[in-house]
N, C-alpha and C. Protein backbone atom coordinates (compact mmCIF):
# COMPACT_ATOMS: atom_id res chain seq x y z
N UNK A 1 80.33 129.20 95.12
CA UNK A 1 80.96 127.93 94.93
C UNK A 1 79.87 126.82 94.77
N UNK A 2 80.29 125.60 93.93
CA UNK A 2 79.17 124.72 93.53
C UNK A 2 79.45 123.58 94.58
N UNK A 3 78.20 122.88 94.97
CA UNK A 3 78.46 121.51 95.83
C UNK A 3 78.14 120.19 94.85
N UNK A 4 78.92 119.35 94.97
CA UNK A 4 78.87 118.29 94.26
C UNK A 4 78.83 116.87 95.35
N UNK A 5 78.06 116.11 94.89
CA UNK A 5 78.18 114.82 96.01
C UNK A 5 79.15 113.76 95.37
N UNK A 6 79.67 113.05 96.49
CA UNK A 6 80.94 112.25 96.25
C UNK A 6 80.92 111.29 95.00
N UNK A 7 79.83 110.73 94.91
CA UNK A 7 79.35 109.90 93.87
C UNK A 7 79.66 110.74 92.52
N UNK A 8 78.77 111.85 92.49
CA UNK A 8 79.05 112.36 91.22
C UNK A 8 80.39 112.98 90.89
N UNK A 9 81.13 113.34 91.62
CA UNK A 9 82.58 113.65 91.71
C UNK A 9 83.27 112.80 91.15
N UNK A 10 83.36 111.39 91.56
CA UNK A 10 83.91 110.44 91.43
C UNK A 10 83.78 110.10 89.82
N UNK A 11 82.35 110.03 89.29
CA UNK A 11 82.01 109.86 87.90
C UNK A 11 82.19 110.78 87.14
N UNK A 12 82.47 112.05 87.77
CA UNK A 12 82.68 113.12 86.44
C UNK A 12 84.08 114.00 86.93
N UNK A 13 85.32 113.47 87.56
CA UNK A 13 86.17 113.90 88.01
C UNK A 13 86.83 114.79 86.69
N UNK A 14 87.11 114.28 85.78
CA UNK A 14 87.78 115.06 84.76
C UNK A 14 87.27 116.17 84.28
N UNK A 15 85.77 116.23 84.12
CA UNK A 15 84.97 117.58 83.93
C UNK A 15 85.23 118.51 84.98
N UNK A 16 85.25 118.14 86.43
CA UNK A 16 85.33 118.82 87.32
C UNK A 16 86.71 119.35 87.29
N UNK A 17 87.77 118.68 87.26
CA UNK A 17 89.04 119.40 87.25
C UNK A 17 89.34 120.36 86.11
N UNK A 18 88.58 119.79 84.99
CA UNK A 18 88.70 121.00 83.93
C UNK A 18 87.98 122.51 84.49
N UNK A 19 86.89 122.45 85.17
CA UNK A 19 86.28 123.64 85.74
C UNK A 19 87.12 124.13 86.62
N UNK A 20 87.86 123.38 87.54
CA UNK A 20 88.79 123.78 88.47
C UNK A 20 90.20 124.77 87.92
N UNK A 21 90.55 123.98 86.87
CA UNK A 21 91.36 124.85 85.86
C UNK A 21 90.97 126.04 85.32
N UNK A 22 89.94 126.41 85.29
CA UNK A 22 89.35 127.70 84.81
C UNK A 22 89.05 128.57 85.90
N UNK A 23 89.24 128.14 87.43
CA UNK A 23 89.45 129.09 88.59
C UNK A 23 88.39 128.70 89.34
N UNK A 24 87.57 127.71 89.17
CA UNK A 24 86.18 127.56 90.05
C UNK A 24 86.89 126.77 91.07
N UNK A 25 85.91 126.83 92.54
CA UNK A 25 85.98 126.00 93.64
C UNK A 25 84.53 125.41 93.60
N UNK A 26 84.94 124.02 93.79
CA UNK A 26 83.75 122.92 93.56
C UNK A 26 83.98 122.18 95.27
N UNK A 27 82.88 122.28 96.26
CA UNK A 27 82.59 121.53 97.19
C UNK A 27 82.20 120.28 97.09
N UNK A 28 83.03 119.21 97.66
CA UNK A 28 82.21 117.88 97.60
C UNK A 28 81.91 117.32 98.79
N UNK A 29 80.74 116.94 98.86
CA UNK A 29 80.16 116.60 99.90
C UNK A 29 79.73 114.71 99.78
N UNK A 30 79.79 114.28 101.16
CA UNK A 30 79.16 112.97 101.36
C UNK A 30 78.15 112.96 102.20
N UNK A 31 77.07 112.63 101.83
CA UNK A 31 75.65 112.57 102.66
C UNK A 31 75.43 113.93 103.23
N UNK A 32 75.63 114.75 101.97
CA UNK A 32 75.16 116.35 102.33
C UNK A 32 76.26 117.01 103.23
N UNK A 33 77.26 116.54 103.68
CA UNK A 33 78.20 116.70 104.51
C UNK A 33 79.61 117.52 103.89
N UNK A 34 80.32 118.73 103.85
CA UNK A 34 81.40 118.63 102.94
C UNK A 34 82.33 118.16 103.46
N UNK A 35 83.28 117.46 102.59
CA UNK A 35 84.25 116.69 103.05
C UNK A 35 85.83 117.14 102.41
N UNK A 36 85.51 117.83 101.10
CA UNK A 36 86.85 118.45 100.25
C UNK A 36 86.20 119.50 99.45
N UNK A 37 87.38 120.21 99.16
CA UNK A 37 87.27 121.21 98.13
C UNK A 37 88.01 121.16 97.22
N UNK A 38 87.64 121.05 95.85
CA UNK A 38 88.83 121.29 94.74
C UNK A 38 88.86 122.63 94.44
N UNK A 39 90.07 122.95 94.55
CA UNK A 39 90.37 124.36 94.07
C UNK A 39 91.55 124.36 93.18
N UNK A 40 92.01 125.44 92.44
CA UNK A 40 93.42 125.69 92.02
C UNK A 40 94.30 125.82 93.05
N UNK A 41 95.47 125.41 92.65
CA UNK A 41 96.59 125.68 93.73
C UNK A 41 96.92 127.08 94.06
N UNK A 42 97.15 127.20 95.08
CA UNK A 42 97.77 128.71 95.47
C UNK A 42 99.26 128.96 95.07
N UNK A 43 99.48 129.59 93.74
CA UNK A 43 100.57 129.79 93.49
C UNK A 43 101.40 130.77 94.28
N UNK A 44 101.14 131.03 95.07
CA UNK A 44 101.90 132.20 96.11
C UNK A 44 102.44 131.52 97.04
N UNK A 45 101.93 130.19 97.36
CA UNK A 45 102.37 129.38 98.26
C UNK A 45 103.35 128.47 98.18
N UNK A 46 103.68 128.43 96.82
CA UNK A 46 104.70 127.57 96.33
C UNK A 46 105.98 128.43 96.69
N UNK A 47 106.80 127.32 97.10
CA UNK A 47 107.98 128.08 98.09
C UNK A 47 109.22 127.29 97.38
N UNK A 48 110.18 128.35 97.16
CA UNK A 48 111.72 127.59 96.39
C UNK A 48 112.39 126.76 97.59
N UNK A 49 112.73 125.67 97.22
CA UNK A 49 113.29 124.80 98.33
C UNK A 49 114.65 125.50 98.83
N UNK A 50 115.47 126.11 97.76
CA UNK A 50 116.74 126.91 98.11
C UNK A 50 116.69 127.85 99.27
N UNK A 51 115.74 128.43 98.96
CA UNK A 51 115.32 129.87 99.64
C UNK A 51 115.19 129.29 101.32
N UNK A 52 114.29 128.06 101.50
CA UNK A 52 113.83 127.79 102.58
C UNK A 52 115.27 127.27 103.25
N UNK A 53 116.05 126.47 102.63
CA UNK A 53 117.24 126.03 103.11
C UNK A 53 117.94 126.81 103.51
N UNK A 54 118.33 128.33 102.80
CA UNK A 54 118.81 129.17 103.14
C UNK A 54 118.29 130.04 104.48
N UNK A 55 117.30 129.96 104.43
CA UNK A 55 116.79 130.47 105.79
C UNK A 55 116.88 129.51 107.19
N UNK A 56 116.80 128.20 107.20
CA UNK A 56 117.07 127.53 108.03
C UNK A 56 118.56 127.77 108.63
N UNK A 57 119.50 127.67 107.55
CA UNK A 57 121.06 128.02 107.95
C UNK A 57 121.13 129.47 108.45
N UNK A 58 120.39 130.34 108.36
CA UNK A 58 120.54 131.73 109.02
C UNK A 58 119.89 131.59 110.35
N UNK A 59 118.88 130.77 110.62
CA UNK A 59 118.06 130.43 111.52
C UNK A 59 119.21 129.50 112.69
N UNK A 60 119.95 129.02 112.21
CA UNK A 60 121.04 128.02 112.94
C UNK A 60 121.94 128.90 113.43
N UNK A 61 122.18 130.04 112.66
CA UNK A 61 123.35 130.84 113.16
C UNK A 61 122.73 131.70 114.04
N UNK A 62 121.64 131.96 114.32
CA UNK A 62 121.27 132.80 115.49
C UNK A 62 120.91 131.91 116.78
N UNK A 63 120.86 130.92 116.79
CA UNK A 63 120.50 130.16 117.66
C UNK A 63 121.32 128.79 117.81
N UNK A 64 122.03 128.57 118.94
CA UNK A 64 123.00 127.56 119.02
C UNK A 64 122.81 126.89 120.60
N UNK A 65 122.94 125.82 120.79
CA UNK A 65 122.56 124.92 122.01
C UNK A 65 124.01 125.11 123.29
N UNK A 66 124.89 126.16 122.73
CA UNK A 66 125.87 126.56 123.81
C UNK A 66 126.88 125.35 123.80
N UNK A 67 127.14 124.91 125.04
CA UNK A 67 128.21 123.81 124.79
C UNK A 67 127.47 122.45 124.96
N UNK A 68 126.19 122.06 125.14
CA UNK A 68 125.51 120.94 125.01
C UNK A 68 125.42 120.51 123.62
N UNK A 69 125.53 119.30 123.61
CA UNK A 69 125.46 118.47 122.23
C UNK A 69 123.86 117.86 122.05
N UNK A 70 123.78 117.97 120.92
CA UNK A 70 122.32 117.13 120.49
C UNK A 70 122.15 115.77 121.16
N UNK A 71 123.40 114.78 121.09
CA UNK A 71 123.51 113.74 121.86
C UNK A 71 123.18 113.58 123.05
N UNK A 72 123.72 114.71 124.13
CA UNK A 72 123.27 115.20 125.19
C UNK A 72 122.09 115.54 125.47
N UNK A 73 121.35 116.10 124.71
CA UNK A 73 119.84 116.39 125.09
C UNK A 73 119.31 115.48 124.74
N UNK A 74 119.46 114.24 123.85
CA UNK A 74 118.77 113.27 123.87
C UNK A 74 118.75 112.19 124.88
N UNK A 75 120.03 112.10 125.67
CA UNK A 75 120.36 111.31 126.49
C UNK A 75 119.40 111.94 127.82
N UNK A 76 119.41 113.23 127.98
CA UNK A 76 118.66 113.69 129.21
C UNK A 76 117.03 113.56 129.10
N UNK A 77 116.76 113.70 127.80
CA UNK A 77 115.20 113.36 127.48
C UNK A 77 114.78 111.80 128.00
N UNK A 78 115.83 110.98 127.71
CA UNK A 78 115.50 109.64 127.87
C UNK A 78 115.46 109.28 129.57
N UNK A 79 116.23 110.17 130.32
CA UNK A 79 115.84 109.89 131.58
C UNK A 79 114.45 109.88 132.34
C-alpha cells in the first residue's frame, strides 16, 4: 500500500481515485502519521434495506416487552 501526504492527496485526488478504482489502497498521512485510507468499497458489506427491515421485524416477534409499554419504560427512566 502506497503512502501519500495530505497536501499531495488534495492536489492529485482525481488521479488517486482512478488508482483506487483499479483496486489500489492508498494511505494518506499528515506530518508522517496515517490519518486515512483510500480504498475501493467493500461490495460484500452493501446491505439490502428491505432485508434489514425484515430481520428487524423478525427480531421484534421474538422479543417483546410483556405488559410494559415503551412509554412506561421512558417514564421509569426519568425517575
